[in-house]
Amino acid sequence: MAYSLPTTVTQQNAVALEADGLRDLAALETVDCAALVDFDSTVLAVLIAWQKKLRSVGRTLIIRNPPQKLQVLAQVYGVAELLGTASA
């Protein structure tokens, strides 16, 4: 089972989205970004918060289908390893 991000993740829904994801940590182990179209850097804050929570209980966050823009944002903010796209 995977947690699917909505089409839009911005400041307007990021706090609610983060809380929603934290309610089901088992589903959070895999996050599907396939539907993600309209987003800003707040999506990274949500993903990082989920990653921290999962790590605190000995689990790992896996991101599936990250859009190119999300990969670029992760590179710019220095968190590309979150998406498994860190360059050497």
N, C-alpha and C. Protein backbone atom coordinates (compact mmCIF):
# COMPACT_ATOMS: atom_id res chain seq x y z
N MET A 1 0.84 -1.18 0.00
CA MET A 1 0.00 0.00 0.00
C MET A 1 0.88 1.24 0.00
N ALA A 2 0.51 2.25 -0.75
CA ALA A 2 1.28 3.49 -0.82
C ALA A 2 0.38 4.67 -0.50
N TYR A 3 0.99 5.70 0.00
CA TYR A 3 0.29 6.96 0.24
C TYR A 3 0.45 7.78 -1.03
N SER A 4 -0.64 8.22 -1.61
CA SER A 4 -0.59 9.00 -2.86
C SER A 4 -0.76 10.48 -2.56
N LEU A 5 0.21 11.26 -3.02
CA LEU A 5 0.09 12.71 -2.88
C LEU A 5 -1.02 13.21 -3.79
N PRO A 6 -1.69 14.29 -3.39
CA PRO A 6 -2.72 14.86 -4.25
C PRO A 6 -2.09 15.62 -5.41
N THR A 7 -2.91 16.12 -6.29
CA THR A 7 -2.45 16.89 -7.44
C THR A 7 -1.74 18.17 -7.02
N THR A 8 -2.24 18.80 -5.95
CA THR A 8 -1.71 20.08 -5.49
C THR A 8 -1.18 19.97 -4.07
N VAL A 9 0.04 20.45 -3.85
CA VAL A 9 0.61 20.58 -2.51
C VAL A 9 1.28 21.94 -2.44
N THR A 10 0.64 22.83 -1.69
CA THR A 10 1.17 24.19 -1.48
C THR A 10 0.99 24.55 -0.02
N GLN A 11 1.32 25.77 0.34
CA GLN A 11 1.18 26.23 1.72
C GLN A 11 -0.26 26.09 2.21
N GLN A 12 -1.21 26.18 1.31
CA GLN A 12 -2.62 26.12 1.70
C GLN A 12 -3.03 24.74 2.25
N ASN A 13 -2.41 23.68 1.80
CA ASN A 13 -2.83 22.36 2.27
C ASN A 13 -1.70 21.53 2.89
N ALA A 14 -0.52 22.08 3.01
CA ALA A 14 0.63 21.29 3.47
C ALA A 14 0.48 20.81 4.92
N VAL A 15 0.00 21.65 5.81
CA VAL A 15 -0.12 21.25 7.21
C VAL A 15 -1.13 20.11 7.36
N ALA A 16 -2.26 20.25 6.70
CA ALA A 16 -3.29 19.20 6.76
C ALA A 16 -2.78 17.90 6.12
N LEU A 17 -2.05 18.03 5.02
CA LEU A 17 -1.50 16.87 4.34
C LEU A 17 -0.49 16.15 5.23
N GLU A 18 0.38 16.91 5.86
CA GLU A 18 1.37 16.31 6.75
C GLU A 18 0.69 15.53 7.87
N ALA A 19 -0.30 16.14 8.50
CA ALA A 19 -1.02 15.49 9.59
C ALA A 19 -1.74 14.23 9.10
N ASP A 20 -2.34 14.32 7.92
CA ASP A 20 -3.04 13.17 7.36
C ASP A 20 -2.09 12.00 7.15
N GLY A 21 -0.94 12.28 6.61
CA GLY A 21 0.05 11.23 6.37
C GLY A 21 0.54 10.59 7.65
N LEU A 22 0.71 11.39 8.69
CA LEU A 22 1.23 10.87 9.95
C LEU A 22 0.23 9.96 10.66
N ARG A 23 -1.03 10.01 10.27
CA ARG A 23 -2.04 9.14 10.88
C ARG A 23 -1.85 7.67 10.48
N ASP A 24 -1.18 7.42 9.37
CA ASP A 24 -1.00 6.04 8.90
C ASP A 24 0.45 5.84 8.46
N LEU A 25 1.32 5.61 9.42
CA LEU A 25 2.75 5.47 9.12
C LEU A 25 3.06 4.30 8.20
N ALA A 26 2.30 3.23 8.28
CA ALA A 26 2.56 2.08 7.40
C ALA A 26 2.38 2.46 5.95
N ALA A 27 1.35 3.25 5.65
CA ALA A 27 1.13 3.69 4.26
C ALA A 27 2.20 4.66 3.82
N LEU A 28 2.78 5.39 4.76
CA LEU A 28 3.79 6.40 4.41
C LEU A 28 5.12 5.82 3.97
N GLU A 29 5.35 4.56 4.20
CA GLU A 29 6.64 3.99 3.82
C GLU A 29 6.89 4.16 2.33
N THR A 30 5.84 4.16 1.53
CA THR A 30 5.97 4.42 0.10
C THR A 30 5.01 5.55 -0.25
N VAL A 31 5.56 6.63 -0.79
CA VAL A 31 4.76 7.79 -1.19
C VAL A 31 4.80 7.90 -2.71
N ASP A 32 3.63 7.87 -3.32
CA ASP A 32 3.52 7.96 -4.77
C ASP A 32 3.23 9.40 -5.16
N CYS A 33 4.09 9.96 -5.99
CA CYS A 33 3.96 11.34 -6.44
C CYS A 33 3.39 11.46 -7.85
N ALA A 34 2.86 10.39 -8.40
CA ALA A 34 2.41 10.37 -9.79
C ALA A 34 1.37 11.44 -10.10
N ALA A 35 0.48 11.74 -9.16
CA ALA A 35 -0.59 12.72 -9.41
C ALA A 35 -0.12 14.16 -9.20
N LEU A 36 1.03 14.35 -8.59
CA LEU A 36 1.51 15.67 -8.22
C LEU A 36 1.80 16.54 -9.45
N VAL A 37 1.09 17.66 -9.55
CA VAL A 37 1.25 18.55 -10.70
C VAL A 37 1.52 19.99 -10.25
N ASP A 38 0.74 20.48 -9.32
CA ASP A 38 0.82 21.87 -8.86
C ASP A 38 1.40 21.87 -7.44
N PHE A 39 2.66 22.30 -7.31
CA PHE A 39 3.31 22.25 -6.00
C PHE A 39 4.43 23.26 -5.94
N ASP A 40 4.85 23.52 -4.71
CA ASP A 40 6.00 24.38 -4.47
C ASP A 40 6.90 23.66 -3.47
N SER A 41 7.85 24.37 -2.94
CA SER A 41 8.83 23.73 -2.06
C SER A 41 8.23 23.21 -0.75
N THR A 42 7.01 23.60 -0.43
CA THR A 42 6.40 23.07 0.79
C THR A 42 6.23 21.56 0.73
N VAL A 43 6.12 21.00 -0.45
CA VAL A 43 6.01 19.54 -0.55
C VAL A 43 7.28 18.89 0.01
N LEU A 44 8.41 19.53 -0.16
CA LEU A 44 9.65 18.99 0.42
C LEU A 44 9.60 19.00 1.93
N ALA A 45 9.04 20.06 2.51
CA ALA A 45 8.92 20.13 3.97
C ALA A 45 8.04 18.98 4.49
N VAL A 46 6.97 18.70 3.79
CA VAL A 46 6.08 17.60 4.18
C VAL A 46 6.82 16.26 4.09
N LEU A 47 7.50 16.04 2.98
CA LEU A 47 8.24 14.78 2.80
C LEU A 47 9.33 14.61 3.85
N ILE A 48 10.03 15.69 4.16
CA ILE A 48 11.09 15.64 5.17
C ILE A 48 10.50 15.33 6.55
N ALA A 49 9.37 15.95 6.88
CA ALA A 49 8.73 15.67 8.17
C ALA A 49 8.32 14.20 8.26
N TRP A 50 7.78 13.66 7.17
CA TRP A 50 7.41 12.25 7.16
C TRP A 50 8.63 11.36 7.29
N GLN A 51 9.70 11.74 6.58
CA GLN A 51 10.94 10.95 6.65
C GLN A 51 11.47 10.93 8.09
N LYS A 52 11.47 12.07 8.75
CA LYS A 52 11.97 12.14 10.12
C LYS A 52 11.15 11.25 11.05
N LYS A 53 9.83 11.30 10.90
CA LYS A 53 8.97 10.49 11.75
C LYS A 53 9.21 9.01 11.50
N LEU A 54 9.29 8.61 10.25
CA LEU A 54 9.54 7.20 9.93
C LEU A 54 10.89 6.74 10.47
N ARG A 55 11.90 7.56 10.30
CA ARG A 55 13.23 7.18 10.81
C ARG A 55 13.22 7.02 12.32
N SER A 56 12.40 7.83 13.01
CA SER A 56 12.34 7.74 14.47
C SER A 56 11.77 6.42 14.95
N VAL A 57 11.07 5.70 14.07
CA VAL A 57 10.52 4.39 14.42
C VAL A 57 11.20 3.28 13.61
N GLY A 58 12.36 3.59 13.04
CA GLY A 58 13.16 2.58 12.36
C GLY A 58 12.68 2.20 10.97
N ARG A 59 11.94 3.07 10.33
CA ARG A 59 11.45 2.80 8.98
C ARG A 59 12.08 3.75 7.98
N THR A 60 11.85 3.47 6.70
CA THR A 60 12.43 4.28 5.62
C THR A 60 11.34 4.80 4.71
N LEU A 61 11.51 6.01 4.24
CA LEU A 61 10.58 6.63 3.29
C LEU A 61 11.06 6.34 1.88
N ILE A 62 10.16 5.83 1.04
CA ILE A 62 10.46 5.57 -0.36
C ILE A 62 9.55 6.45 -1.21
N ILE A 63 10.14 7.24 -2.10
CA ILE A 63 9.38 8.14 -2.97
C ILE A 63 9.31 7.51 -4.35
N ARG A 64 8.11 7.37 -4.86
CA ARG A 64 7.90 6.82 -6.20
C ARG A 64 7.35 7.91 -7.13
N ASN A 65 7.77 7.86 -8.38
CA ASN A 65 7.26 8.74 -9.44
C ASN A 65 7.41 10.24 -9.16
N PRO A 66 8.57 10.67 -8.67
CA PRO A 66 8.73 12.11 -8.44
C PRO A 66 8.79 12.87 -9.77
N PRO A 67 7.98 13.91 -9.93
CA PRO A 67 8.06 14.68 -11.17
C PRO A 67 9.42 15.38 -11.29
N GLN A 68 9.79 15.72 -12.50
CA GLN A 68 11.07 16.37 -12.75
C GLN A 68 11.24 17.64 -11.92
N LYS A 69 10.19 18.44 -11.83
CA LYS A 69 10.27 19.69 -11.06
C LYS A 69 10.58 19.40 -9.59
N LEU A 70 10.03 18.34 -9.05
CA LEU A 70 10.31 17.98 -7.65
C LEU A 70 11.76 17.56 -7.50
N GLN A 71 12.28 16.84 -8.46
CA GLN A 71 13.69 16.44 -8.42
C GLN A 71 14.60 17.66 -8.46
N VAL A 72 14.25 18.63 -9.29
CA VAL A 72 15.05 19.86 -9.38
C VAL A 72 14.99 20.63 -8.06
N LEU A 73 13.79 20.77 -7.49
CA LEU A 73 13.66 21.47 -6.21
C LEU A 73 14.49 20.78 -5.13
N ALA A 74 14.46 19.46 -5.11
CA ALA A 74 15.24 18.72 -4.12
C ALA A 74 16.73 18.97 -4.29
N GLN A 75 17.19 19.05 -5.53
CA GLN A 75 18.60 19.37 -5.80
C GLN A 75 18.94 20.77 -5.29
N VAL A 76 18.08 21.73 -5.62
CA VAL A 76 18.32 23.13 -5.24
C VAL A 76 18.38 23.28 -3.71
N TYR A 77 17.49 22.59 -3.01
CA TYR A 77 17.43 22.69 -1.56
C TYR A 77 18.39 21.74 -0.85
N GLY A 78 19.15 20.97 -1.60
CA GLY A 78 20.15 20.10 -1.00
C GLY A 78 19.59 18.86 -0.32
N VAL A 79 18.42 18.42 -0.75
CA VAL A 79 17.81 17.23 -0.15
C VAL A 79 17.49 16.17 -1.20
N ALA A 80 18.29 16.12 -2.24
CA ALA A 80 18.05 15.17 -3.33
C ALA A 80 18.07 13.72 -2.85
N GLU A 81 18.83 13.45 -1.80
CA GLU A 81 18.86 12.08 -1.27
C GLU A 81 17.49 11.62 -0.79
N LEU A 82 16.63 12.57 -0.45
CA LEU A 82 15.26 12.24 -0.04
C LEU A 82 14.53 11.51 -1.16
N LEU A 83 14.81 11.90 -2.39
CA LEU A 83 14.15 11.29 -3.54
C LEU A 83 14.99 10.18 -4.15
N GLY A 84 16.13 9.91 -3.57
CA GLY A 84 17.00 8.89 -4.12
C GLY A 84 17.70 9.34 -5.40
N THR A 85 17.86 10.67 -5.55
CA THR A 85 18.46 11.21 -6.77
C THR A 85 19.71 12.02 -6.48
N ALA A 86 20.32 11.81 -5.33
CA ALA A 86 21.53 12.57 -5.01
C ALA A 86 22.63 12.26 -5.99
N SER A 87 23.32 13.29 -6.42
CA SER A 87 24.45 13.09 -7.33
C SER A 87 25.74 12.97 -6.54
N ALA A 88 26.68 12.26 -7.10
CA ALA A 88 27.96 12.02 -6.40
C ALA A 88 28.84 13.24 -6.42
